[in-house]
PDB file of all heavy atoms in Angstrom:
ATOM      1  N   LYS A   1     -15.494 -25.779 -24.156  1.00  0.00           N
ATOM      2  CA  LYS A   1     -15.762 -26.466 -22.953  1.00  0.00           C
ATOM      3  C   LYS A   1     -17.347 -26.585 -22.871  1.00  0.00           C
ATOM      4  O   LYS A   1     -18.074 -25.707 -23.224  1.00  0.00           O
ATOM      5  CB  LYS A   1     -15.303 -25.774 -21.700  1.00  0.00           C
ATOM      6  CG  LYS A   1     -13.763 -25.745 -21.652  1.00  0.00           C
ATOM      7  CD  LYS A   1     -13.181 -27.082 -21.401  1.00  0.00           C
ATOM      8  CE  LYS A   1     -11.649 -27.024 -21.239  1.00  0.00           C
ATOM      9  NZ  LYS A   1     -11.071 -28.295 -21.038  1.00  0.00           N
ATOM     10  N   LYS A   2     -17.748 -27.790 -22.314  1.00  0.00           N
ATOM     11  CA  LYS A   2     -19.125 -28.069 -22.209  1.00  0.00           C
ATOM     12  C   LYS A   2     -19.962 -27.011 -21.470  1.00  0.00           C
ATOM     13  O   LYS A   2     -19.434 -26.381 -20.524  1.00  0.00           O
ATOM     14  CB  LYS A   2     -19.395 -29.475 -21.661  1.00  0.00           C
ATOM     15  CG  LYS A   2     -18.770 -30.514 -22.464  1.00  0.00           C
ATOM     16  CD  LYS A   2     -19.001 -31.931 -21.788  1.00  0.00           C
ATOM     17  CE  LYS A   2     -18.437 -33.053 -22.674  1.00  0.00           C
ATOM     18  NZ  LYS A   2     -18.603 -34.342 -22.016  1.00  0.00           N
ATOM     19  N   ASP A   3     -21.216 -26.822 -21.902  1.00  0.00           N
ATOM     20  CA  ASP A   3     -22.071 -25.835 -21.227  1.00  0.00           C
ATOM     21  C   ASP A   3     -22.306 -26.182 -19.683  1.00  0.00           C
ATOM     22  O   ASP A   3     -22.398 -25.302 -18.860  1.00  0.00           O
ATOM     23  CB  ASP A   3     -23.446 -25.836 -21.913  1.00  0.00           C
ATOM     24  CG  ASP A   3     -23.371 -25.182 -23.260  1.00  0.00           C
ATOM     25  OD1 ASP A   3     -22.411 -24.416 -23.503  1.00  0.00           O
ATOM     26  OD2 ASP A   3     -24.331 -25.387 -24.051  1.00  0.00           O
ATOM     27  N   SER A   4     -22.275 -27.479 -19.451  1.00  0.00           N
ATOM     28  CA  SER A   4     -22.432 -27.920 -17.992  1.00  0.00           C
ATOM     29  C   SER A   4     -21.358 -27.454 -17.151  1.00  0.00           C
ATOM     30  O   SER A   4     -21.522 -27.060 -16.002  1.00  0.00           O
ATOM     31  CB  SER A   4     -22.533 -29.421 -17.884  1.00  0.00           C
ATOM     32  OG  SER A   4     -21.347 -30.046 -18.361  1.00  0.00           O
ATOM     33  N   TYR A   5     -20.164 -27.239 -17.737  1.00  0.00           N
ATOM     34  CA  TYR A   5     -18.942 -26.697 -17.051  1.00  0.00           C
ATOM     35  C   TYR A   5     -19.246 -25.226 -16.655  1.00  0.00           C
ATOM     36  O   TYR A   5     -19.007 -24.765 -15.545  1.00  0.00           O
ATOM     37  CB  TYR A   5     -17.732 -26.964 -17.777  1.00  0.00           C
ATOM     38  CG  TYR A   5     -16.420 -26.578 -17.043  1.00  0.00           C
ATOM     39  CD1 TYR A   5     -16.145 -27.211 -15.880  1.00  0.00           C
ATOM     40  CD2 TYR A   5     -15.557 -25.703 -17.625  1.00  0.00           C
ATOM     41  CE1 TYR A   5     -15.007 -26.821 -15.186  1.00  0.00           C
ATOM     42  CE2 TYR A   5     -14.349 -25.357 -16.918  1.00  0.00           C
ATOM     43  CZ  TYR A   5     -14.102 -25.981 -15.692  1.00  0.00           C
ATOM     44  OH  TYR A   5     -12.943 -25.686 -15.077  1.00  0.00           O
ATOM     45  N   ARG A   6     -19.652 -24.554 -17.681  1.00  0.00           N
ATOM     46  CA  ARG A   6     -19.923 -23.168 -17.473  1.00  0.00           C
ATOM     47  C   ARG A   6     -21.000 -22.911 -16.389  1.00  0.00           C
ATOM     48  O   ARG A   6     -20.949 -22.020 -15.540  1.00  0.00           O
ATOM     49  CB  ARG A   6     -20.293 -22.434 -18.761  1.00  0.00           C
ATOM     50  CG  ARG A   6     -19.154 -22.108 -19.659  1.00  0.00           C
ATOM     51  CD  ARG A   6     -19.590 -20.953 -20.651  1.00  0.00           C
ATOM     52  NE  ARG A   6     -18.613 -20.844 -21.713  1.00  0.00           N
ATOM     53  CZ  ARG A   6     -18.558 -21.494 -22.792  1.00  0.00           C
ATOM     54  NH1 ARG A   6     -19.594 -22.344 -23.071  1.00  0.00           N
ATOM     55  NH2 ARG A   6     -17.694 -21.256 -23.733  1.00  0.00           N
ATOM     56  N   GLU A   7     -22.007 -23.756 -16.517  1.00  0.00           N
ATOM     57  CA  GLU A   7     -23.165 -23.595 -15.553  1.00  0.00           C
ATOM     58  C   GLU A   7     -22.638 -23.877 -14.084  1.00  0.00           C
ATOM     59  O   GLU A   7     -23.040 -23.207 -13.124  1.00  0.00           O
ATOM     60  CB  GLU A   7     -24.274 -24.530 -15.870  1.00  0.00           C
ATOM     61  CG  GLU A   7     -25.003 -24.170 -17.110  1.00  0.00           C
ATOM     62  CD  GLU A   7     -25.954 -25.207 -17.639  1.00  0.00           C
ATOM     63  OE1 GLU A   7     -26.166 -26.228 -16.923  1.00  0.00           O
ATOM     64  OE2 GLU A   7     -26.628 -25.001 -18.658  1.00  0.00           O
ATOM     65  N   ALA A   8     -21.791 -24.896 -13.953  1.00  0.00           N
ATOM     66  CA  ALA A   8     -21.298 -25.155 -12.660  1.00  0.00           C
ATOM     67  C   ALA A   8     -20.352 -24.136 -12.133  1.00  0.00           C
ATOM     68  O   ALA A   8     -20.170 -24.052 -10.909  1.00  0.00           O
ATOM     69  CB  ALA A   8     -20.460 -26.522 -12.670  1.00  0.00           C
ATOM     70  N   LEU A   9     -19.791 -23.334 -12.948  1.00  0.00           N
ATOM     71  CA  LEU A   9     -18.956 -22.210 -12.604  1.00  0.00           C
ATOM     72  C   LEU A   9     -19.642 -20.879 -12.501  1.00  0.00           C
ATOM     73  O   LEU A   9     -19.028 -19.803 -12.339  1.00  0.00           O
ATOM     74  CB  LEU A   9     -17.831 -22.036 -13.609  1.00  0.00           C
ATOM     75  CG  LEU A   9     -16.854 -23.182 -13.815  1.00  0.00           C
ATOM     76  CD1 LEU A   9     -15.906 -22.976 -14.961  1.00  0.00           C
ATOM     77  CD2 LEU A   9     -16.128 -23.341 -12.554  1.00  0.00           C
ATOM     78  N   SER A  10     -21.036 -20.944 -12.390  1.00  0.00           N
ATOM     79  CA  SER A  10     -21.769 -19.652 -12.379  1.00  0.00           C
ATOM     80  C   SER A  10     -21.438 -19.005 -10.976  1.00  0.00           C
ATOM     81  O   SER A  10     -21.106 -19.647  -9.967  1.00  0.00           O
ATOM     82  CB  SER A  10     -23.269 -19.965 -12.381  1.00  0.00           C
ATOM     83  OG  SER A  10     -23.654 -20.838 -11.380  1.00  0.00           O
ATOM     84  N   LYS A  11     -21.557 -17.730 -10.872  1.00  0.00           N
ATOM     85  CA  LYS A  11     -21.228 -16.981  -9.743  1.00  0.00           C
ATOM     86  C   LYS A  11     -21.954 -17.408  -8.504  1.00  0.00           C
ATOM     87  O   LYS A  11     -23.198 -17.686  -8.610  1.00  0.00           O
ATOM     88  CB  LYS A  11     -21.363 -15.476  -9.999  1.00  0.00           C
ATOM     89  CG  LYS A  11     -20.407 -14.945 -11.009  1.00  0.00           C
ATOM     90  CD  LYS A  11     -20.595 -13.439 -11.154  1.00  0.00           C
ATOM     91  CE  LYS A  11     -19.525 -12.822 -12.012  1.00  0.00           C
ATOM     92  NZ  LYS A  11     -19.651 -13.142 -13.412  1.00  0.00           N
ATOM     93  N   GLU A  12     -21.419 -17.349  -7.382  1.00  0.00           N
ATOM     94  CA  GLU A  12     -21.939 -17.761  -6.156  1.00  0.00           C
ATOM     95  C   GLU A  12     -23.101 -16.775  -5.737  1.00  0.00           C
ATOM     96  O   GLU A  12     -22.881 -15.564  -5.849  1.00  0.00           O
ATOM     97  CB  GLU A  12     -20.897 -17.736  -5.085  1.00  0.00           C
ATOM     98  CG  GLU A  12     -21.364 -18.166  -3.704  1.00  0.00           C
ATOM     99  CD  GLU A  12     -20.241 -18.183  -2.736  1.00  0.00           C
ATOM    100  OE1 GLU A  12     -19.405 -17.223  -2.749  1.00  0.00           O
ATOM    101  OE2 GLU A  12     -20.132 -19.109  -1.863  1.00  0.00           O
ATOM    102  N   SER A  13     -24.189 -17.326  -5.232  1.00  0.00           N
ATOM    103  CA  SER A  13     -25.368 -16.510  -4.888  1.00  0.00           C
ATOM    104  C   SER A  13     -25.030 -15.800  -3.526  1.00  0.00           C
ATOM    105  O   SER A  13     -24.237 -16.329  -2.688  1.00  0.00           O
ATOM    106  CB  SER A  13     -26.597 -17.357  -4.803  1.00  0.00           C
ATOM    107  OG  SER A  13     -26.437 -18.186  -3.643  1.00  0.00           O
ATOM    108  N   ALA A  14     -25.663 -14.641  -3.245  1.00  0.00           N
ATOM    109  CA  ALA A  14     -25.416 -13.916  -2.030  1.00  0.00           C
ATOM    110  C   ALA A  14     -25.987 -14.772  -0.846  1.00  0.00           C
ATOM    111  O   ALA A  14     -25.350 -14.731   0.280  1.00  0.00           O
ATOM    112  CB  ALA A  14     -26.188 -12.585  -2.095  1.00  0.00           C
ATOM    113  N   GLU A  15     -27.012 -15.485  -1.047  1.00  0.00           N
ATOM    114  CA  GLU A  15     -27.616 -16.337  -0.082  1.00  0.00           C
ATOM    115  C   GLU A  15     -26.590 -17.399   0.407  1.00  0.00           C
ATOM    116  O   GLU A  15     -26.467 -17.616   1.587  1.00  0.00           O
ATOM    117  CB  GLU A  15     -28.864 -16.908  -0.442  1.00  0.00           C
ATOM    118  CG  GLU A  15     -29.557 -17.940   0.613  1.00  0.00           C
ATOM    119  CD  GLU A  15     -29.832 -17.152   1.937  1.00  0.00           C
ATOM    120  OE1 GLU A  15     -30.124 -15.910   1.874  1.00  0.00           O
ATOM    121  OE2 GLU A  15     -29.728 -17.828   2.972  1.00  0.00           O
ATOM    122  N   LYS A  16     -25.935 -17.992  -0.566  1.00  0.00           N
ATOM    123  CA  LYS A  16     -24.926 -19.036  -0.279  1.00  0.00           C
ATOM    124  C   LYS A  16     -23.815 -18.457   0.607  1.00  0.00           C
ATOM    125  O   LYS A  16     -23.388 -19.112   1.506  1.00  0.00           O
ATOM    126  CB  LYS A  16     -24.423 -19.649  -1.498  1.00  0.00           C
ATOM    127  CG  LYS A  16     -23.515 -20.863  -1.325  1.00  0.00           C
ATOM    128  CD  LYS A  16     -23.209 -21.574  -2.694  1.00  0.00           C
ATOM    129  CE  LYS A  16     -22.389 -22.821  -2.499  1.00  0.00           C
ATOM    130  NZ  LYS A  16     -22.034 -23.447  -3.769  1.00  0.00           N
ATOM    131  N   ARG A  17     -23.350 -17.297   0.243  1.00  0.00           N
ATOM    132  CA  ARG A  17     -22.313 -16.582   1.010  1.00  0.00           C
ATOM    133  C   ARG A  17     -22.747 -16.248   2.429  1.00  0.00           C
ATOM    134  O   ARG A  17     -22.065 -16.469   3.372  1.00  0.00           O
ATOM    135  CB  ARG A  17     -21.835 -15.354   0.323  1.00  0.00           C
ATOM    136  CG  ARG A  17     -20.616 -14.643   1.031  1.00  0.00           C
ATOM    137  CD  ARG A  17     -20.110 -13.525   0.232  1.00  0.00           C
ATOM    138  NE  ARG A  17     -21.058 -12.538   0.071  1.00  0.00           N
ATOM    139  CZ  ARG A  17     -21.281 -11.588   0.960  1.00  0.00           C
ATOM    140  NH1 ARG A  17     -20.589 -11.547   2.139  1.00  0.00           N
ATOM    141  NH2 ARG A  17     -22.173 -10.558   0.711  1.00  0.00           N
ATOM    142  N   ARG A  18     -24.053 -15.909   2.554  1.00  0.00           N
ATOM    143  CA  ARG A  18     -24.573 -15.574   3.937  1.00  0.00           C
ATOM    144  C   ARG A  18     -24.584 -16.844   4.763  1.00  0.00           C
ATOM    145  O   ARG A  18     -24.358 -16.770   5.988  1.00  0.00           O
ATOM    146  CB  ARG A  18     -25.911 -14.854   3.802  1.00  0.00           C
ATOM    147  CG  ARG A  18     -25.894 -13.452   3.405  1.00  0.00           C
ATOM    148  CD  ARG A  18     -27.222 -12.778   3.613  1.00  0.00           C
ATOM    149  NE  ARG A  18     -28.268 -13.277   2.803  1.00  0.00           N
ATOM    150  CZ  ARG A  18     -28.546 -12.877   1.587  1.00  0.00           C
ATOM    151  NH1 ARG A  18     -27.891 -11.850   1.129  1.00  0.00           N
ATOM    152  NH2 ARG A  18     -29.536 -13.376   0.895  1.00  0.00           N
ATOM    153  N   GLU A  19     -25.006 -17.915   4.144  1.00  0.00           N
ATOM    154  CA  GLU A  19     -25.055 -19.186   4.926  1.00  0.00           C
ATOM    155  C   GLU A  19     -23.739 -19.529   5.409  1.00  0.00           C
ATOM    156  O   GLU A  19     -23.576 -19.983   6.607  1.00  0.00           O
ATOM    157  CB  GLU A  19     -25.573 -20.356   4.000  1.00  0.00           C
ATOM    158  CG  GLU A  19     -27.049 -20.169   3.739  1.00  0.00           C
ATOM    159  CD  GLU A  19     -27.595 -21.220   2.733  1.00  0.00           C
ATOM    160  OE1 GLU A  19     -26.722 -22.090   2.317  1.00  0.00           O
ATOM    161  OE2 GLU A  19     -28.701 -21.233   2.395  1.00  0.00           O
ATOM    162  N   ARG A  20     -22.683 -19.351   4.600  1.00  0.00           N
ATOM    163  CA  ARG A  20     -21.329 -19.710   5.119  1.00  0.00           C
ATOM    164  C   ARG A  20     -20.824 -18.665   6.193  1.00  0.00           C
ATOM    165  O   ARG A  20     -20.218 -19.112   7.123  1.00  0.00           O
ATOM    166  CB  ARG A  20     -20.312 -19.619   3.899  1.00  0.00           C
ATOM    167  CG  ARG A  20     -20.522 -20.756   2.930  1.00  0.00           C
ATOM    168  CD  ARG A  20     -19.571 -20.499   1.787  1.00  0.00           C
ATOM    169  NE  ARG A  20     -19.722 -21.709   0.856  1.00  0.00           N
ATOM    170  CZ  ARG A  20     -19.235 -21.635  -0.356  1.00  0.00           C
ATOM    171  NH1 ARG A  20     -18.637 -20.565  -0.804  1.00  0.00           N
ATOM    172  NH2 ARG A  20     -19.471 -22.723  -1.170  1.00  0.00           N
ATOM    173  N   THR A  21     -21.259 -17.392   5.987  1.00  0.00           N
ATOM    174  CA  THR A  21     -20.776 -16.459   7.012  1.00  0.00           C
ATOM    175  C   THR A  21     -21.393 -16.864   8.436  1.00  0.00           C
ATOM    176  O   THR A  21     -20.716 -16.597   9.403  1.00  0.00           O
ATOM    177  CB  THR A  21     -21.277 -15.091   6.611  1.00  0.00           C
ATOM    178  OG1 THR A  21     -20.628 -14.750   5.288  1.00  0.00           O
ATOM    179  CG2 THR A  21     -20.754 -14.010   7.590  1.00  0.00           C
ATOM    180  N   ARG A  22     -22.554 -17.348   8.392  1.00  0.00           N
ATOM    181  CA  ARG A  22     -23.253 -17.643   9.716  1.00  0.00           C
ATOM    182  C   ARG A  22     -22.509 -18.789  10.380  1.00  0.00           C
ATOM    183  O   ARG A  22     -22.699 -19.057  11.574  1.00  0.00           O
ATOM    184  CB  ARG A  22     -24.658 -18.075   9.468  1.00  0.00           C
ATOM    185  CG  ARG A  22     -25.573 -16.847   9.169  1.00  0.00           C
ATOM    186  CD  ARG A  22     -27.014 -17.207   9.363  1.00  0.00           C
ATOM    187  NE  ARG A  22     -27.471 -18.154   8.278  1.00  0.00           N
ATOM    188  CZ  ARG A  22     -27.982 -17.723   7.069  1.00  0.00           C
ATOM    189  NH1 ARG A  22     -28.160 -16.437   6.897  1.00  0.00           N
ATOM    190  NH2 ARG A  22     -28.430 -18.595   6.295  1.00  0.00           N
ATOM    191  N   GLU A  23     -21.678 -19.646   9.682  1.00  0.00           N
ATOM    192  CA  GLU A  23     -20.952 -20.699  10.285  1.00  0.00           C
ATOM    193  C   GLU A  23     -19.665 -20.240  11.044  1.00  0.00           C
ATOM    194  O   GLU A  23     -19.059 -20.948  11.762  1.00  0.00           O
ATOM    195  CB  GLU A  23     -20.477 -21.690   9.193  1.00  0.00           C
ATOM    196  CG  GLU A  23     -21.655 -22.331   8.529  1.00  0.00           C
ATOM    197  CD  GLU A  23     -21.246 -23.251   7.352  1.00  0.00           C
ATOM    198  OE1 GLU A  23     -20.026 -23.232   7.065  1.00  0.00           O
ATOM    199  OE2 GLU A  23     -22.042 -23.822   6.759  1.00  0.00           O
ATOM    200  N   LEU A  24     -19.232 -18.954  10.870  1.00  0.00           N
ATOM    201  CA  LEU A  24     -18.014 -18.489  11.440  1.00  0.00           C
ATOM    202  C   LEU A  24     -18.181 -18.369  12.989  1.00  0.00           C
ATOM    203  O   LEU A  24     -19.215 -18.096  13.516  1.00  0.00           O
ATOM    204  CB  LEU A  24     -17.684 -17.093  10.899  1.00  0.00           C
ATOM    205  CG  LEU A  24     -17.087 -17.049   9.475  1.00  0.00           C
ATOM    206  CD1 LEU A  24     -16.996 -15.658   9.050  1.00  0.00           C
ATOM    207  CD2 LEU A  24     -15.816 -17.801   9.463  1.00  0.00           C
ATOM    208  N   THR A  25     -17.051 -18.557  13.684  1.00  0.00           N
ATOM    209  CA  THR A  25     -16.996 -18.289  15.088  1.00  0.00           C
ATOM    210  C   THR A  25     -16.633 -16.810  15.308  1.00  0.00           C
ATOM    211  O   THR A  25     -16.293 -16.074  14.391  1.00  0.00           O
ATOM    212  CB  THR A  25     -15.864 -19.119  15.710  1.00  0.00           C
ATOM    213  OG1 THR A  25     -14.559 -18.663  15.304  1.00  0.00           O
ATOM    214  CG2 THR A  25     -15.984 -20.564  15.328  1.00  0.00           C
ATOM    215  N   ASP A  26     -16.711 -16.415  16.558  1.00  0.00           N
ATOM    216  CA  ASP A  26     -16.317 -15.005  16.909  1.00  0.00           C
ATOM    217  C   ASP A  26     -14.937 -14.784  17.168  1.00  0.00           C
ATOM    218  O   ASP A  26     -14.448 -13.668  17.440  1.00  0.00           O
ATOM    219  CB  ASP A  26     -17.149 -14.564  18.186  1.00  0.00           C
ATOM    220  CG  ASP A  26     -18.749 -14.555  17.836  1.00  0.00           C
ATOM    221  OD1 ASP A  26     -19.012 -14.263  16.726  1.00  0.00           O
ATOM    222  OD2 ASP A  26     -19.431 -14.782  18.761  1.00  0.00           O
ATOM    223  N   GLU A  27     -14.130 -15.842  17.034  1.00  0.00           N
ATOM    224  CA  GLU A  27     -12.712 -15.662  17.333  1.00  0.00           C
ATOM    225  C   GLU A  27     -11.941 -15.017  16.145  1.00  0.00           C
ATOM    226  O   GLU A  27     -12.288 -15.246  15.059  1.00  0.00           O
ATOM    227  CB  GLU A  27     -12.066 -17.041  17.570  1.00  0.00           C
ATOM    228  CG  GLU A  27     -12.626 -17.701  18.833  1.00  0.00           C
ATOM    229  CD  GLU A  27     -11.962 -19.102  19.091  1.00  0.00           C
ATOM    230  OE1 GLU A  27     -10.776 -19.246  18.783  1.00  0.00           O
ATOM    231  OE2 GLU A  27     -12.646 -19.984  19.590  1.00  0.00           O
ATOM    232  N   SER A  28     -11.098 -14.118  16.494  1.00  0.00           N
ATOM    233  CA  SER A  28     -10.176 -13.454  15.446  1.00  0.00           C
ATOM    234  C   SER A  28      -8.736 -13.713  15.726  1.00  0.00           C
ATOM    235  O   SER A  28      -8.339 -14.001  16.853  1.00  0.00           O
ATOM    236  CB  SER A  28     -10.531 -11.916  15.363  1.00  0.00           C
ATOM    237  OG  SER A  28     -10.205 -11.400  16.628  1.00  0.00           O
ATOM    238  N   VAL A  29      -7.950 -13.511  14.668  1.00  0.00           N
ATOM    239  CA  VAL A  29      -6.510 -13.667  14.846  1.00  0.00           C
ATOM    240  C   VAL A  29      -5.809 -12.468  15.232  1.00  0.00           C
ATOM    241  O   VAL A  29      -5.193 -12.229  16.321  1.00  0.00           O
ATOM    242  CB  VAL A  29      -5.896 -14.281  13.556  1.00  0.00           C
ATOM    243  CG1 VAL A  29      -4.367 -14.506  13.698  1.00  0.00           C
ATOM    244  CG2 VAL A  29      -6.571 -15.598  13.222  1.00  0.00           C
ATOM    245  N   HIS A  30      -5.881 -11.433  14.414  1.00  0.00           N
ATOM    246  CA  HIS A  30      -5.336 -10.080  14.628  1.00  0.00           C
ATOM    247  C   HIS A  30      -6.392  -9.025  14.243  1.00  0.00           C
ATOM    248  O   HIS A  30      -6.453  -8.629  13.099  1.00  0.00           O
ATOM    249  CB  HIS A  30      -4.018  -9.830  13.785  1.00  0.00           C
ATOM    250  CG  HIS A  30      -3.025 -10.884  13.934  1.00  0.00           C
ATOM    251  ND1 HIS A  30      -2.296 -11.052  15.125  1.00  0.00           N
ATOM    252  CD2 HIS A  30      -2.592 -11.854  13.082  1.00  0.00           C
ATOM    253  CE1 HIS A  30      -1.474 -12.090  14.969  1.00  0.00           C
ATOM    254  NE2 HIS A  30      -1.632 -12.604  13.703  1.00  0.00           N
ATOM    255  N   GLU A  31      -7.211  -8.662  15.259  1.00  0.00           N
ATOM    256  CA  GLU A  31      -8.349  -7.817  14.837  1.00  0.00           C
ATOM    257  C   GLU A  31      -7.857  -6.313  14.717  1.00  0.00           C
ATOM    258  O   GLU A  31      -6.980  -5.840  15.488  1.00  0.00           O
ATOM    259  CB  GLU A  31      -9.353  -7.813  16.006  1.00  0.00           C
ATOM    260  CG  GLU A  31     -10.598  -6.941  15.586  1.00  0.00           C
ATOM    261  CD  GLU A  31     -11.755  -7.140  16.561  1.00  0.00           C
ATOM    262  OE1 GLU A  31     -11.975  -8.319  17.075  1.00  0.00           O
ATOM    263  OE2 GLU A  31     -12.418  -6.157  16.812  1.00  0.00           O
ATOM    264  N   LEU A  32      -8.255  -5.655  13.634  1.00  0.00           N
ATOM    265  CA  LEU A  32      -7.982  -4.282  13.394  1.00  0.00           C
ATOM    266  C   LEU A  32      -9.237  -3.458  13.460  1.00  0.00           C
ATOM    267  O   LEU A  32     -10.310  -3.875  12.901  1.00  0.00           O
ATOM    268  CB  LEU A  32      -7.344  -4.157  11.987  1.00  0.00           C
ATOM    269  CG  LEU A  32      -6.130  -4.978  11.682  1.00  0.00           C
ATOM    270  CD1 LEU A  32      -5.659  -4.746  10.196  1.00  0.00           C
ATOM    271  CD2 LEU A  32      -4.967  -4.630  12.567  1.00  0.00           C
ATOM    272  N   LYS A  33      -9.202  -2.316  14.059  1.00  0.00           N
ATOM    273  CA  LYS A  33     -10.321  -1.373  14.130  1.00  0.00           C
ATOM    274  C   LYS A  33      -9.951  -0.083  13.383  1.00  0.00           C
ATOM    275  O   LYS A  33      -8.914   0.564  13.666  1.00  0.00           O
ATOM    276  CB  LYS A  33     -10.670  -0.976  15.594  1.00  0.00           C
ATOM    277  CG  LYS A  33     -11.122  -2.229  16.325  1.00  0.00           C
ATOM    278  CD  LYS A  33     -11.572  -1.901  17.785  1.00  0.00           C
ATOM    279  CE  LYS A  33     -12.014  -3.091  18.537  1.00  0.00           C
ATOM    280  NZ  LYS A  33     -12.405  -2.786  19.875  1.00  0.00           N
ATOM    281  N   LEU A  34     -10.688   0.150  12.350  1.00  0.00           N
ATOM    282  CA  LEU A  34     -10.298   1.239  11.428  1.00  0.00           C
ATOM    283  C   LEU A  34     -11.343   2.405  11.407  1.00  0.00           C
ATOM    284  O   LEU A  34     -12.516   2.178  11.599  1.00  0.00           O
ATOM    285  CB  LEU A  34     -10.154   0.716  10.020  1.00  0.00           C
ATOM    286  CG  LEU A  34      -9.233  -0.510   9.869  1.00  0.00           C
ATOM    287  CD1 LEU A  34      -9.395  -1.068   8.479  1.00  0.00           C
ATOM    288  CD2 LEU A  34      -7.785   0.017  10.059  1.00  0.00           C
ATOM    289  N   LYS A  35     -10.837   3.581  11.144  1.00  0.00           N
ATOM    290  CA  LYS A  35     -11.798   4.698  10.953  1.00  0.00           C
ATOM    291  C   LYS A  35     -12.060   4.938   9.508  1.00  0.00           C
ATOM    292  O   LYS A  35     -11.426   4.434   8.563  1.00  0.00           O
ATOM    293  CB  LYS A  35     -11.116   6.015  11.538  1.00  0.00           C
ATOM    294  CG  LYS A  35     -10.882   5.970  13.043  1.00  0.00           C
ATOM    295  CD  LYS A  35     -10.258   7.257  13.486  1.00  0.00           C
ATOM    296  CE  LYS A  35      -9.966   7.172  15.030  1.00  0.00           C
ATOM    297  NZ  LYS A  35      -9.353   8.403  15.526  1.00  0.00           N
ATOM    298  N   LYS A  36     -13.091   5.691   9.167  1.00  0.00           N
ATOM    299  CA  LYS A  36     -13.484   5.969   7.846  1.00  0.00           C
ATOM    300  C   LYS A  36     -12.314   6.548   7.014  1.00  0.00           C
ATOM    301  O   LYS A  36     -11.654   7.477   7.594  1.00  0.00           O
ATOM    302  CB  LYS A  36     -14.662   6.790   7.775  1.00  0.00           C
ATOM    303  CG  LYS A  36     -15.229   7.088   6.328  1.00  0.00           C
ATOM    304  CD  LYS A  36     -16.447   7.979   6.336  1.00  0.00           C
ATOM    305  CE  LYS A  36     -16.958   8.165   4.973  1.00  0.00           C
ATOM    306  NZ  LYS A  36     -18.216   9.001   4.931  1.00  0.00           N
ATOM    307  N   ASP A  37     -12.042   6.058   5.828  1.00  0.00           N
ATOM    308  CA  ASP A  37     -11.037   6.628   4.900  1.00  0.00           C
ATOM    309  C   ASP A  37      -9.603   6.169   5.344  1.00  0.00           C
ATOM    310  O   ASP A  37      -8.644   6.578   4.773  1.00  0.00           O
ATOM    311  CB  ASP A  37     -11.052   8.136   4.755  1.00  0.00           C
ATOM    312  CG  ASP A  37     -12.389   8.654   4.179  1.00  0.00           C
ATOM    313  OD1 ASP A  37     -12.959   7.894   3.332  1.00  0.00           O
ATOM    314  OD2 ASP A  37     -12.840   9.732   4.501  1.00  0.00           O
ATOM    315  N   GLU A  38      -9.508   5.273   6.331  1.00  0.00           N
ATOM    316  CA  GLU A  38      -8.181   4.803   6.734  1.00  0.00           C
ATOM    317  C   GLU A  38      -7.741   3.759   5.669  1.00  0.00           C
ATOM    318  O   GLU A  38      -8.545   2.868   5.372  1.00  0.00           O
ATOM    319  CB  GLU A  38      -8.208   4.203   8.128  1.00  0.00           C
ATOM    320  CG  GLU A  38      -6.864   3.928   8.656  1.00  0.00           C
ATOM    321  CD  GLU A  38      -6.874   3.476  10.112  1.00  0.00           C
ATOM    322  OE1 GLU A  38      -7.898   3.777  10.785  1.00  0.00           O
ATOM    323  OE2 GLU A  38      -5.816   2.928  10.564  1.00  0.00           O
ATOM    324  N   VAL A  39      -6.475   3.937   5.232  1.00  0.00           N
ATOM    325  CA  VAL A  39      -5.971   2.962   4.151  1.00  0.00           C
ATOM    326  C   VAL A  39      -5.469   1.714   4.859  1.00  0.00           C
ATOM    327  O   VAL A  39      -4.690   1.781   5.823  1.00  0.00           O
ATOM    328  CB  VAL A  39      -4.819   3.656   3.356  1.00  0.00           C
ATOM    329  CG1 VAL A  39      -4.136   2.635   2.448  1.00  0.00           C
ATOM    330  CG2 VAL A  39      -5.366   4.865   2.608  1.00  0.00           C
TER     331      VAL A  39
END
């Protein structure tokens, strides 16, 4: 497969993920609150 395909499939940057996260609303569907070590 062409090198350009591999380059386009490079792993997503942390900054790109943070930008998407900032777009989220505060609404949740079924919120869960968990304690440390809870499965």
